[in-house]
């Protein structure tokens, strides 16, 4: 971080922020374009880009701009590491082991090796390396705090053995095997006709009521939960078509009644269709029977559905 960096300022001029962000994005784009072709990007060019980032950092006063600075620094560091690995020293490539050896020597490691070779007590002569020395040398080049890195991969790899177990073959009993039931067009037509007939039955019963009727008292069959659900399903068709109105009264009761079906002109004048989701489970069915004292169904009990299997009808 530059020594003369400005403090955090939430009221920084927006135009100055845009200039700083644009500068960092330009630097990052320049580095990204040369990541896969290091030969066209010299170390001096990378140094110049870092110097420009230092100048921009003096104008950073917010966290977003500081994040852009960190991202660019990481990209520049990675490119510098790639160029270091690709360096040539004479006829050979960059030797990491030789570099580490020289680094240890610079920090006083060679002196310790000489003391050990004289046969003296190693515990008395062994001291830590002079990291402060290389720290002072690095401080002259950069004042940025080094970022934490992570090791790529485990220290050791343990080869896992695949545990192969033989599965017992499952023998199916052919007597229990059945072909899937085929649905034909006449089956679909029959279901549609059944729905149309039941919807018409509900409409006729509501006409006979001659006024509002409690929703639960009309649709609930006290002896059959499944048919109560079906009654609500058939009633939804009448409400959708505008033949039946659903209304909540002042006392909280939900009532339904036959109404005049609206036309296109009514919708043009502002009338809107509304849909609701009605939760109806067995507990609600049982509770409604107790609250409204429903002992008899207003809608006649329908015979149970029959299933067609193997070309025959079974009741």
Protein backbone atom coordinates (compact mmCIF):
# COMPACT_ATOMS: atom_id res chain seq x y z
CA UNK A 1 0.00 0.00 0.00
CA UNK A 2 1.30 3.43 -0.84
CA UNK A 3 2.34 5.54 2.14
CA UNK A 4 0.35 8.54 1.00
CA UNK A 5 -2.91 6.65 0.38
CA UNK A 6 -6.08 8.59 1.19
CA UNK A 7 -8.39 7.51 4.05
CA UNK A 8 -11.84 6.02 3.50
CA UNK A 9 -14.22 8.62 2.14
CA UNK A 10 -17.84 7.56 1.45
CA UNK A 11 -18.54 10.99 -0.05
CA UNK A 12 -15.83 10.79 -2.71
CA UNK A 13 -16.67 12.49 -5.99
CA UNK A 14 -18.52 9.92 -8.19
CA UNK A 15 -16.66 11.09 -11.27
CA UNK A 16 -13.31 10.46 -9.57
CA UNK A 17 -14.49 6.97 -8.59
CA UNK A 18 -15.41 6.19 -12.19
CA UNK A 19 -11.98 7.34 -13.38
CA UNK A 20 -10.22 5.12 -10.82
CA UNK A 21 -12.36 2.08 -11.69
CA UNK A 22 -11.82 2.63 -15.39
CA UNK A 23 -8.07 2.83 -14.83
CA UNK A 24 -7.98 -0.47 -12.92
CA UNK A 25 -10.14 -2.23 -15.51
CA UNK A 26 -7.83 -1.00 -18.30
CA UNK A 27 -4.79 -2.36 -16.46
CA UNK A 28 -6.50 -5.69 -15.77
CA UNK A 29 -7.57 -6.03 -19.40
CA UNK A 30 -3.99 -5.40 -20.55
CA UNK A 31 -2.67 -8.18 -18.31
CA UNK A 32 -5.45 -10.62 -19.28
CA UNK A 33 -4.71 -10.19 -22.99
CA UNK A 34 -1.11 -11.36 -22.51
CA UNK A 35 -1.61 -14.18 -20.00
CA UNK A 36 -1.36 -16.87 -22.69
CA UNK A 37 1.47 -15.20 -24.60
CA UNK A 38 4.16 -14.13 -22.14
CA UNK A 39 6.80 -13.55 -24.82
CA UNK A 40 4.97 -10.46 -26.09
CA UNK A 41 4.77 -8.93 -22.60
CA UNK A 42 8.10 -7.88 -21.13
CA UNK A 43 8.95 -7.58 -17.46
CA UNK A 44 9.36 -3.82 -17.92
CA UNK A 45 5.81 -3.53 -19.25
CA UNK A 46 4.52 -5.43 -16.21
CA UNK A 47 6.53 -3.13 -13.94
CA UNK A 48 5.07 -0.06 -15.65
CA UNK A 49 1.56 -1.43 -15.13
CA UNK A 50 2.23 -1.97 -11.41
CA UNK A 51 3.55 1.61 -11.12
CA UNK A 52 0.34 2.91 -12.73
CA UNK A 53 -1.63 0.85 -10.20
CA UNK A 54 0.37 2.53 -7.42
CA UNK A 55 -0.62 5.94 -8.78
CA UNK A 56 -4.27 4.90 -8.93
CA UNK A 57 -4.11 3.54 -5.40
CA UNK A 58 -3.31 7.02 -4.10
CA UNK A 59 -6.84 8.01 -5.21
CA UNK A 60 -8.61 4.96 -3.75
CA UNK A 61 -11.02 5.95 -0.97
CA UNK A 62 -13.64 3.20 -1.09
CA UNK A 63 -13.80 -0.61 -0.67
CA UNK A 64 -14.92 -1.30 -4.25
CA UNK A 65 -11.91 0.46 -5.73
CA UNK A 66 -9.63 -1.28 -3.19
CA UNK A 67 -11.04 -4.62 -4.35
CA UNK A 68 -10.14 -3.78 -7.95
CA UNK A 69 -6.62 -2.92 -6.79
CA UNK A 70 -6.29 -6.29 -5.00
CA UNK A 71 -7.59 -8.18 -8.04
CA UNK A 72 -5.11 -6.47 -10.35
CA UNK A 73 -2.23 -7.09 -7.92
CA UNK A 74 -3.10 -10.80 -7.84
CA UNK A 75 -3.16 -10.98 -11.65
CA UNK A 76 0.16 -9.15 -11.92
CA UNK A 77 1.73 -11.44 -9.30
CA UNK A 78 0.58 -14.55 -11.15
CA UNK A 79 1.98 -13.25 -14.43
CA UNK A 80 5.26 -12.38 -12.71
CA UNK A 81 5.48 -15.93 -11.36
CA UNK A 82 4.81 -17.35 -14.83
CA UNK A 83 7.52 -15.19 -16.37
CA UNK A 84 9.95 -16.22 -13.60
CA UNK A 85 9.35 -19.90 -14.37
CA UNK A 86 9.92 -19.21 -18.05
CA UNK A 87 13.17 -17.27 -17.48
CA UNK A 88 16.37 -18.45 -19.14
CA UNK A 89 19.77 -18.12 -17.49
CA UNK A 90 22.37 -18.64 -20.18
CA UNK A 91 21.61 -21.93 -21.87
CA UNK A 92 19.50 -23.32 -19.03
CA UNK A 93 16.14 -22.48 -17.55
CA UNK A 94 15.50 -20.84 -14.18
CA UNK A 95 16.63 -23.22 -11.41
CA UNK A 96 14.40 -22.92 -8.37
CA UNK A 97 16.67 -25.02 -6.15
CA UNK A 98 19.64 -22.82 -6.98
CA UNK A 99 17.59 -19.71 -6.24
CA UNK A 100 16.53 -21.09 -2.84
CA UNK A 101 20.14 -22.01 -2.05
CA UNK A 102 21.29 -18.47 -2.79
CA UNK A 103 18.41 -17.11 -0.74
CA UNK A 104 19.45 -19.22 2.25
CA UNK A 105 23.03 -18.05 1.85
CA UNK A 106 21.88 -14.40 1.82
CA UNK A 107 20.03 -14.97 5.12
CA UNK A 108 23.09 -16.47 6.82
CA UNK A 109 22.36 -20.12 6.20
CA UNK A 110 25.79 -20.86 4.73
CA UNK A 111 27.50 -19.80 7.97
CA UNK A 112 25.50 -22.38 9.88
CA UNK A 113 26.57 -25.12 7.45
CA UNK A 114 30.25 -24.16 7.96
CA UNK A 115 29.86 -24.36 11.75
CA UNK A 116 28.30 -27.82 11.48
CA UNK A 117 31.18 -29.06 9.32
CA UNK A 118 33.70 -28.15 12.08
CA UNK A 119 32.14 -30.79 14.32
CA UNK A 120 30.86 -28.38 16.95
CA UNK A 121 27.62 -28.84 18.86
CA UNK A 122 24.81 -28.19 16.37
CA UNK A 123 22.29 -27.22 19.06
CA UNK A 124 24.44 -24.27 20.15
CA UNK A 125 25.22 -23.02 16.64
CA UNK A 126 21.86 -23.52 14.96
CA UNK A 127 19.99 -20.22 14.88
CA UNK A 128 17.04 -19.08 12.79
CA UNK A 129 17.63 -17.56 9.38
CA UNK A 130 17.85 -13.77 9.19
CA UNK A 131 14.45 -13.19 7.62
CA UNK A 132 14.62 -9.53 8.61
CA UNK A 133 17.48 -9.10 6.20
CA UNK A 134 15.55 -10.23 3.14
CA UNK A 135 12.49 -8.42 4.50
CA UNK A 136 14.37 -5.12 4.42
CA UNK A 137 15.53 -5.88 0.86
CA UNK A 138 11.95 -6.64 -0.23
CA UNK A 139 10.63 -3.55 1.57
CA UNK A 140 12.68 -1.38 -0.75
CA UNK A 141 10.77 -2.81 -3.73
CA UNK A 142 7.18 -2.96 -2.38
CA UNK A 143 5.22 -1.89 0.68
CA UNK A 144 2.23 -4.12 0.00
CA UNK A 145 1.30 -6.79 2.52
CA UNK A 146 1.89 -10.26 1.01
CA UNK A 147 -1.28 -12.28 0.52
CA UNK A 148 -1.78 -15.77 1.92
CA UNK A 149 -1.38 -18.63 -0.53
CA UNK A 150 -2.66 -22.20 -0.54
CA UNK A 151 -0.93 -25.46 -1.35
CA UNK A 152 -2.35 -27.14 -4.44
CA UNK A 153 -2.87 -30.81 -3.64
CA UNK A 154 -2.23 -33.07 -0.64
CA UNK A 155 1.17 -33.83 0.90
CA UNK A 156 0.82 -37.49 0.08
CA UNK A 157 -1.54 -39.45 -2.13
CA UNK A 158 -3.01 -42.68 -0.87
CA UNK A 159 -4.11 -45.00 -3.61
CA UNK A 160 -7.66 -46.07 -2.92
CA UNK A 161 -8.62 -49.61 -3.71
CA UNK A 162 -11.97 -50.11 -5.27
CA UNK A 163 -14.10 -52.48 -3.25
CA UNK A 164 -15.85 -54.65 -5.81
CA UNK A 165 -18.76 -56.70 -4.53
CA UNK A 166 -20.84 -59.02 -6.60
CA UNK A 167 -24.53 -58.31 -6.52
CA UNK A 168 -26.96 -61.17 -6.43
CA UNK A 169 -29.02 -61.35 -9.56
CA UNK A 170 -32.62 -60.49 -8.92
CA UNK A 171 -34.93 -62.97 -10.55
CA UNK A 172 -38.34 -61.57 -11.38
CA UNK A 173 -41.39 -63.74 -11.15
CA UNK A 174 -43.02 -63.59 -14.56
CA UNK A 175 -46.40 -64.29 -12.97
CA UNK A 176 -46.22 -60.91 -11.17
CA UNK A 177 -45.22 -58.97 -14.29
CA UNK A 178 -47.93 -56.83 -15.91
CA UNK A 179 -47.91 -54.70 -18.98
CA UNK A 180 -48.63 -50.97 -18.43
CA UNK A 181 -52.26 -49.99 -18.87
CA UNK A 182 -52.87 -48.36 -22.22
CA UNK A 183 -55.00 -45.20 -22.27
CA UNK A 184 -57.02 -44.83 -25.44
CA UNK A 185 -58.91 -41.89 -26.91
CA UNK A 186 -62.27 -43.29 -25.85
CA UNK A 187 -61.06 -43.40 -22.23
CA UNK A 188 -60.16 -39.68 -22.35
CA UNK A 189 -63.49 -38.83 -24.01
CA UNK A 190 -65.33 -40.80 -21.35
CA UNK A 191 -63.55 -38.89 -18.55
CA UNK A 192 -64.40 -35.55 -20.20
CA UNK A 193 -68.05 -36.53 -20.56
CA UNK A 194 -68.14 -37.61 -16.90
CA UNK A 195 -66.75 -34.21 -15.81
CA UNK A 196 -69.23 -32.29 -17.98
CA UNK A 197 -72.13 -34.28 -16.56
CA UNK A 198 -71.09 -33.70 -12.93
CA UNK A 199 -70.53 -29.97 -13.50
CA UNK A 200 -74.03 -29.69 -14.98
CA UNK A 201 -75.43 -31.52 -11.93
CA UNK A 202 -73.84 -29.00 -9.55
CA UNK A 203 -75.17 -26.10 -11.62
CA UNK A 204 -78.73 -27.48 -11.51
CA UNK A 205 -78.54 -27.94 -7.73
CA UNK A 206 -77.38 -24.35 -7.23
CA UNK A 207 -80.26 -23.07 -9.35
CA UNK A 208 -82.67 -24.90 -7.02
CA UNK A 209 -81.11 -23.20 -3.98
CA UNK A 210 -82.49 -19.80 -5.12
CA UNK A 211 -79.96 -17.78 -3.15
CA UNK A 212 -76.54 -17.86 -1.50
CA UNK A 213 -75.50 -21.13 0.13
CA UNK A 214 -72.53 -21.85 2.39
CA UNK A 215 -69.62 -23.23 0.35
CA UNK A 216 -68.81 -26.06 2.76
CA UNK A 217 -72.45 -27.05 3.30
CA UNK A 218 -72.82 -27.41 -0.47
CA UNK A 219 -69.64 -29.28 -1.47
CA UNK A 220 -68.94 -31.47 1.56
CA UNK A 221 -70.05 -35.07 1.49
CA UNK A 222 -69.92 -36.12 5.17
CA UNK A 223 -69.51 -39.77 4.23
CA UNK A 224 -66.85 -39.46 1.52
CA UNK A 225 -63.79 -37.17 1.68
CA UNK A 226 -62.69 -38.03 -1.88
CA UNK A 227 -66.03 -36.98 -3.37
CA UNK A 228 -65.91 -33.74 -1.37
CA UNK A 229 -62.64 -32.92 -3.12
CA UNK A 230 -64.20 -33.82 -6.47
CA UNK A 231 -67.16 -31.51 -5.75
CA UNK A 232 -64.78 -28.58 -5.23
CA UNK A 233 -63.08 -29.49 -8.50
CA UNK A 234 -66.36 -29.50 -10.43
CA UNK A 235 -67.46 -26.25 -8.76
CA UNK A 236 -64.26 -24.52 -9.93
CA UNK A 237 -65.41 -24.92 -13.56
CA UNK A 238 -68.64 -23.03 -12.84
CA UNK A 239 -66.75 -20.22 -11.06
CA UNK A 240 -64.21 -20.03 -13.88
CA UNK A 241 -66.95 -19.63 -16.49
CA UNK A 242 -68.65 -16.90 -14.42
CA UNK A 243 -71.82 -18.93 -13.87
CA UNK A 244 -71.32 -19.08 -10.09
CA UNK A 245 -70.07 -16.30 -7.80
CA UNK A 246 -68.01 -16.86 -4.65
CA UNK A 247 -68.25 -14.19 -1.96
CA UNK A 248 -67.10 -13.68 1.64
CA UNK A 249 -69.82 -12.11 3.80
CA UNK A 250 -69.34 -9.72 6.73
CA UNK A 251 -69.69 -12.52 9.29
CA UNK A 252 -66.80 -14.42 7.60
CA UNK A 253 -68.94 -17.04 5.85
CA UNK A 254 -67.95 -18.03 2.32
CA UNK A 255 -71.04 -18.40 0.13
CA UNK A 256 -71.70 -19.30 -3.50
CA UNK A 257 -74.69 -18.56 -5.71
CA UNK A 258 -75.81 -18.61 -9.34
CA UNK A 259 -75.14 -15.36 -11.18
CA UNK A 260 -75.50 -13.97 -14.69
CA UNK A 261 -72.51 -14.98 -16.79
CA UNK A 262 -70.54 -11.83 -17.79
CA UNK A 263 -69.91 -11.02 -21.43
CA UNK A 264 -67.01 -9.44 -23.29
CA UNK A 265 -68.38 -5.92 -22.71
CA UNK A 266 -68.25 -6.45 -18.93
CA UNK A 267 -64.56 -7.30 -19.07
CA UNK A 268 -63.92 -4.28 -21.30
CA UNK A 269 -65.51 -2.05 -18.64
CA UNK A 270 -63.04 -3.21 -15.96
CA UNK A 271 -64.34 -6.56 -14.74
CA UNK A 272 -61.40 -8.85 -13.93
CA UNK A 273 -61.12 -12.58 -13.43
CA UNK A 274 -59.64 -13.68 -10.11
CA UNK A 275 -58.28 -17.05 -9.04
CA UNK A 276 -57.81 -18.38 -5.52
CA UNK A 277 -56.10 -21.46 -4.08
CA UNK A 278 -58.28 -23.36 -1.61
CA UNK A 279 -56.51 -25.65 0.86
CA UNK A 280 -58.74 -28.60 1.69
CA UNK A 281 -57.36 -31.59 3.57
CA UNK A 282 -58.97 -34.29 5.68
CA UNK A 283 -58.60 -32.26 8.87
CA UNK A 284 -60.43 -29.30 7.27
CA UNK A 285 -63.13 -31.67 5.98
CA UNK A 286 -63.63 -33.12 9.47
CA UNK A 287 -63.64 -29.67 11.11
CA UNK A 288 -66.18 -28.26 8.62
CA UNK A 289 -68.56 -31.14 9.32
CA UNK A 290 -68.42 -30.34 13.05
CA UNK A 291 -68.74 -26.55 12.72
CA UNK A 292 -71.61 -26.52 10.20
CA UNK A 293 -73.21 -29.74 11.55
CA UNK A 294 -73.25 -31.39 8.14
CA UNK A 295 -74.89 -34.81 8.29
CA UNK A 296 -76.24 -35.10 4.76
CA UNK A 297 -74.71 -34.28 1.39
CA UNK A 298 -76.52 -31.76 -0.82
CA UNK A 299 -74.83 -33.33 -3.87
CA UNK A 300 -75.97 -36.93 -4.47
CA UNK A 301 -73.45 -39.69 -3.81
CA UNK A 302 -71.85 -40.82 -7.06
CA UNK A 303 -71.04 -44.49 -7.68
CA UNK A 304 -67.33 -45.36 -7.35
CA UNK A 305 -65.22 -45.19 -10.49
CA UNK A 306 -64.57 -48.41 -12.33
CA UNK A 307 -61.17 -49.48 -13.64
CA UNK A 308 -60.71 -51.13 -17.01
CA UNK A 309 -58.17 -53.98 -16.90
CA UNK A 310 -57.45 -56.47 -19.66
CA UNK A 311 -60.36 -55.33 -21.82
CA UNK A 312 -63.01 -55.90 -19.12
CA UNK A 313 -64.77 -53.55 -16.71
CA UNK A 314 -64.58 -54.35 -13.02
CA UNK A 315 -66.69 -52.52 -10.43
